[in-house]
Amino acid sequence: MEVATKIRNYIEERGITQIWLSNKTGIPPAKLNLVLNCKRKLTFIEYEVICWALNVDVGSFLEARPPKGLAS
């Protein structure tokens, strides 16, 4: 599952609005919406700010996986 999808699910489950998250992070609402709907890539800086705003560890939405082309 994509990081952005995990973030979207997290905020929806907790009743957090995209507008609130936009205001807290300074990420414009339109840009945040594109990110959370997987139509724009999330930068690591944006990811860090979102984690800060949600008060979660930066590892919360990540999962380790091998680089493409390498066997598991």
Protein backbone atom coordinates (compact mmCIF):
# COMPACT_ATOMS: atom_id res chain seq x y z
CA MET A 1 0.00 0.00 0.00
CA GLU A 2 1.29 3.47 -0.89
CA VAL A 3 2.47 5.77 1.90
CA ALA A 4 -0.04 8.44 0.81
CA THR A 5 -2.89 5.92 1.01
CA LYS A 6 -1.79 4.95 4.53
CA ILE A 7 -1.76 8.60 5.56
CA ARG A 8 -5.18 9.21 4.00
CA ASN A 9 -6.62 6.17 5.82
CA TYR A 10 -5.02 7.31 9.08
CA ILE A 11 -6.52 10.78 8.95
CA GLU A 12 -9.94 9.54 7.81
CA GLU A 13 -10.11 6.99 10.64
CA ARG A 14 -9.39 9.75 13.16
CA GLY A 15 -11.73 12.36 11.67
CA ILE A 16 -8.88 14.65 10.66
CA THR A 17 -9.71 16.78 7.64
CA GLN A 18 -7.38 17.54 4.78
CA ILE A 19 -7.99 21.24 5.44
CA TRP A 20 -6.80 20.87 9.03
CA LEU A 21 -3.72 18.97 7.86
CA SER A 22 -3.07 21.57 5.17
CA ASN A 23 -3.29 24.40 7.70
CA LYS A 24 -1.04 22.58 10.18
CA THR A 25 1.62 21.66 7.59
CA GLY A 26 1.51 24.67 5.29
CA ILE A 27 1.03 22.35 2.31
CA PRO A 28 -1.57 23.96 0.02
CA PRO A 29 -4.91 22.07 0.07
CA ALA A 30 -4.85 21.27 -3.66
CA LYS A 31 -1.33 19.87 -3.47
CA LEU A 32 -2.14 17.84 -0.35
CA ASN A 33 -5.24 16.43 -2.02
CA LEU A 34 -3.22 15.33 -5.05
CA VAL A 35 -0.69 13.64 -2.77
CA LEU A 36 -3.30 11.85 -0.65
CA ASN A 37 -5.04 10.59 -3.79
CA CYS A 38 -1.74 9.27 -5.23
CA LYS A 39 -1.81 11.71 -8.16
CA ARG A 40 1.38 13.48 -7.08
CA LYS A 41 4.52 12.15 -5.41
CA LEU A 42 5.07 13.03 -1.78
CA THR A 43 8.48 14.56 -1.05
CA PHE A 44 10.36 13.40 2.02
CA ILE A 45 10.22 16.90 3.50
CA GLU A 46 6.42 16.96 3.07
CA TYR A 47 6.28 13.50 4.63
CA GLU A 48 8.30 14.66 7.64
CA VAL A 49 6.04 17.69 8.12
CA ILE A 50 2.90 15.55 7.86
CA CYS A 51 4.27 13.12 10.46
CA TRP A 52 5.09 16.07 12.72
CA ALA A 53 1.58 17.52 12.30
CA LEU A 54 0.00 14.13 13.09
CA ASN A 55 2.41 13.62 16.00
CA VAL A 56 3.57 10.23 14.70
CA ASP A 57 7.04 8.78 14.16
CA VAL A 58 8.42 9.13 10.63
CA GLY A 59 8.52 5.34 10.38
CA SER A 60 4.78 5.04 11.02
CA PHE A 61 3.70 4.79 7.38
CA LEU A 62 6.81 3.13 5.94
CA GLU A 63 7.61 -0.52 5.37
CA ALA A 64 10.97 -1.98 4.41
CA ARG A 65 11.25 -3.57 1.00
CA PRO A 66 14.17 -4.57 -1.20
CA PRO A 67 15.12 -2.39 -4.17
CA LYS A 68 13.47 -3.26 -7.48
CA GLY A 69 15.23 -6.09 -9.26
CA LEU A 70 16.52 -7.79 -6.12
CA ALA A 71 15.07 -11.07 -4.91
CA SER A 72 13.46 -11.21 -1.50
